[in-house]
Amino acid sequence: MGSSVLNNPNIQYWKIYVSFLREGTYSPTTPSLVYQTTTKLNSLAFKSCFYNIAGYICIVSLNNTITDKDQSRTEVNYYQLEFLTTGSFVQFGMVPKEISNAEDFDLSSLVYGGFL
């Protein structure tokens, strides 16, 4: 991103922060930024989150309106957001359309890792 984008106060940033509750005290940890974008979105929603040994994997939907000439359409894309239990970002990648366009798209966490 160029500095003009970062210094423009009119740009709406979509940000995802995570915070964990400490065992025993249930006091929250300091929020950690795990994702941000300046893409114009209608909404951002969590579909599901799963724990694995290193951290968490969440499926996030990004809903935006695409305008092409005089026509506009709404598009929903699904992404896999991974972050560690420390709140450190690992990766953010698109779920392939072949999977996410299915009518009953859902993921279930497997006990020894992976998804079904």
Protein backbone atom coordinates (compact mmCIF):
# COMPACT_ATOMS: atom_id res chain seq x y z
CA MET A 1 0.00 0.00 0.00
CA GLY A 2 1.22 3.46 -0.78
CA SER A 3 1.55 6.08 1.91
CA SER A 4 -1.34 8.08 0.38
CA VAL A 5 -3.67 5.15 1.12
CA LEU A 6 -2.44 4.81 4.69
CA ASN A 7 -2.71 8.56 5.35
CA ASN A 8 -6.19 9.04 3.86
CA PRO A 9 -8.61 9.48 6.80
CA ASN A 10 -11.64 8.82 4.55
CA ILE A 11 -10.81 5.19 3.80
CA GLN A 12 -12.82 2.64 5.77
CA TYR A 13 -10.55 -0.12 7.00
CA TRP A 14 -12.05 -3.50 7.80
CA LYS A 15 -10.09 -5.02 10.66
CA ILE A 16 -10.26 -8.28 12.59
CA TYR A 17 -8.81 -8.37 16.08
CA VAL A 18 -8.55 -11.39 18.38
CA SER A 19 -8.38 -11.47 22.15
CA PHE A 20 -8.31 -14.50 24.43
CA LEU A 21 -9.59 -14.98 27.98
CA ARG A 22 -6.92 -16.01 30.47
CA GLU A 23 -7.53 -19.29 32.27
CA GLY A 24 -8.74 -18.86 35.83
CA THR A 25 -9.07 -15.07 35.78
CA TYR A 26 -11.06 -14.75 32.55
CA SER A 27 -9.39 -11.41 31.97
CA PRO A 28 -8.87 -10.64 28.27
CA THR A 29 -5.49 -10.45 26.58
CA THR A 30 -4.54 -7.35 24.61
CA PRO A 31 -6.34 -7.49 21.23
CA SER A 32 -4.10 -8.46 18.29
CA LEU A 33 -4.77 -7.39 14.71
CA VAL A 34 -4.91 -10.51 12.51
CA TYR A 35 -6.37 -9.05 9.30
CA GLN A 36 -7.15 -5.70 7.68
CA THR A 37 -8.18 -4.50 4.24
CA THR A 38 -9.13 -1.28 2.48
CA THR A 39 -11.32 -3.17 0.00
CA LYS A 40 -14.87 -1.81 -0.11
CA LEU A 41 -17.03 -4.48 1.52
CA ASN A 42 -20.73 -4.68 2.38
CA SER A 43 -20.04 -7.06 5.22
CA LEU A 44 -17.51 -9.37 6.80
CA ALA A 45 -18.73 -12.39 8.80
CA PHE A 46 -17.29 -15.44 10.54
CA LYS A 47 -18.77 -18.71 9.29
CA SER A 48 -16.82 -20.98 11.66
CA CYS A 49 -13.63 -21.22 13.72
CA PHE A 50 -11.65 -24.27 14.75
CA TYR A 51 -8.73 -24.84 17.09
CA ASN A 52 -5.64 -26.77 16.05
CA ILE A 53 -2.37 -27.36 17.92
CA ALA A 54 -0.73 -24.12 16.76
CA GLY A 55 -3.73 -21.81 16.84
CA TYR A 56 -7.01 -21.17 15.08
CA ILE A 57 -8.43 -21.48 11.60
CA CYS A 58 -11.52 -19.44 10.78
CA ILE A 59 -13.66 -19.33 7.67
CA VAL A 60 -14.62 -15.72 6.93
CA SER A 61 -17.05 -14.48 4.28
CA LEU A 62 -16.42 -11.16 2.54
CA ASN A 63 -19.48 -9.70 0.80
CA ASN A 64 -18.96 -6.90 -1.71
CA THR A 65 -20.73 -5.24 -4.61
CA ILE A 66 -18.99 -5.32 -7.97
CA THR A 67 -19.92 -2.62 -10.47
CA ASP A 68 -19.10 -3.18 -14.13
CA LYS A 69 -20.29 -0.50 -16.56
CA ASP A 70 -23.96 0.07 -15.61
CA GLN A 71 -24.48 -3.25 -13.88
CA SER A 72 -23.73 -4.26 -10.32
CA ARG A 73 -23.80 -7.61 -8.59
CA THR A 74 -23.14 -8.87 -5.11
CA GLU A 75 -20.32 -11.34 -4.65
CA VAL A 76 -19.57 -13.42 -1.56
CA ASN A 77 -16.16 -15.04 -1.25
CA TYR A 78 -14.91 -17.27 1.54
CA TYR A 79 -11.43 -17.07 3.02
CA GLN A 80 -9.42 -19.15 5.44
CA LEU A 81 -7.88 -16.99 8.19
CA GLU A 82 -5.18 -18.63 10.31
CA PHE A 83 -3.63 -17.16 13.45
CA LEU A 84 -1.65 -18.47 16.42
CA THR A 85 -2.79 -18.64 20.05
CA THR A 86 -0.45 -15.68 20.63
CA GLY A 87 -2.60 -13.63 18.24
CA SER A 88 0.05 -13.62 15.50
CA PHE A 89 -1.20 -13.73 11.90
CA VAL A 90 -0.29 -16.83 9.86
CA GLN A 91 -2.16 -16.60 6.55
CA PHE A 92 -5.31 -15.43 4.75
CA GLY A 93 -6.27 -17.33 1.60
CA MET A 94 -9.35 -17.76 -0.57
CA VAL A 95 -11.36 -20.98 -0.32
CA PRO A 96 -11.60 -22.35 -3.89
CA LYS A 97 -14.87 -21.58 -5.69
CA GLU A 98 -15.36 -25.31 -6.38
CA ILE A 99 -15.82 -25.79 -2.62
CA SER A 100 -17.44 -22.54 -1.49
CA ASN A 101 -20.07 -22.42 -4.28
CA ALA A 102 -21.63 -25.68 -3.13
CA GLU A 103 -25.19 -25.32 -1.76
CA ASP A 104 -24.41 -26.77 1.65
CA PHE A 105 -20.87 -25.45 2.09
CA ASP A 106 -19.73 -26.25 5.63
CA LEU A 107 -16.58 -27.46 7.35
CA SER A 108 -16.16 -29.79 10.30
CA SER A 109 -12.96 -30.02 12.29
CA LEU A 110 -11.38 -33.47 12.53
CA VAL A 111 -9.96 -34.59 15.89
CA TYR A 112 -6.41 -35.16 14.62
CA GLY A 113 -6.31 -32.14 12.32
CA GLY A 114 -7.77 -31.20 9.00
CA PHE A 115 -11.32 -30.63 7.87
CA LEU A 116 -14.19 -32.54 6.37
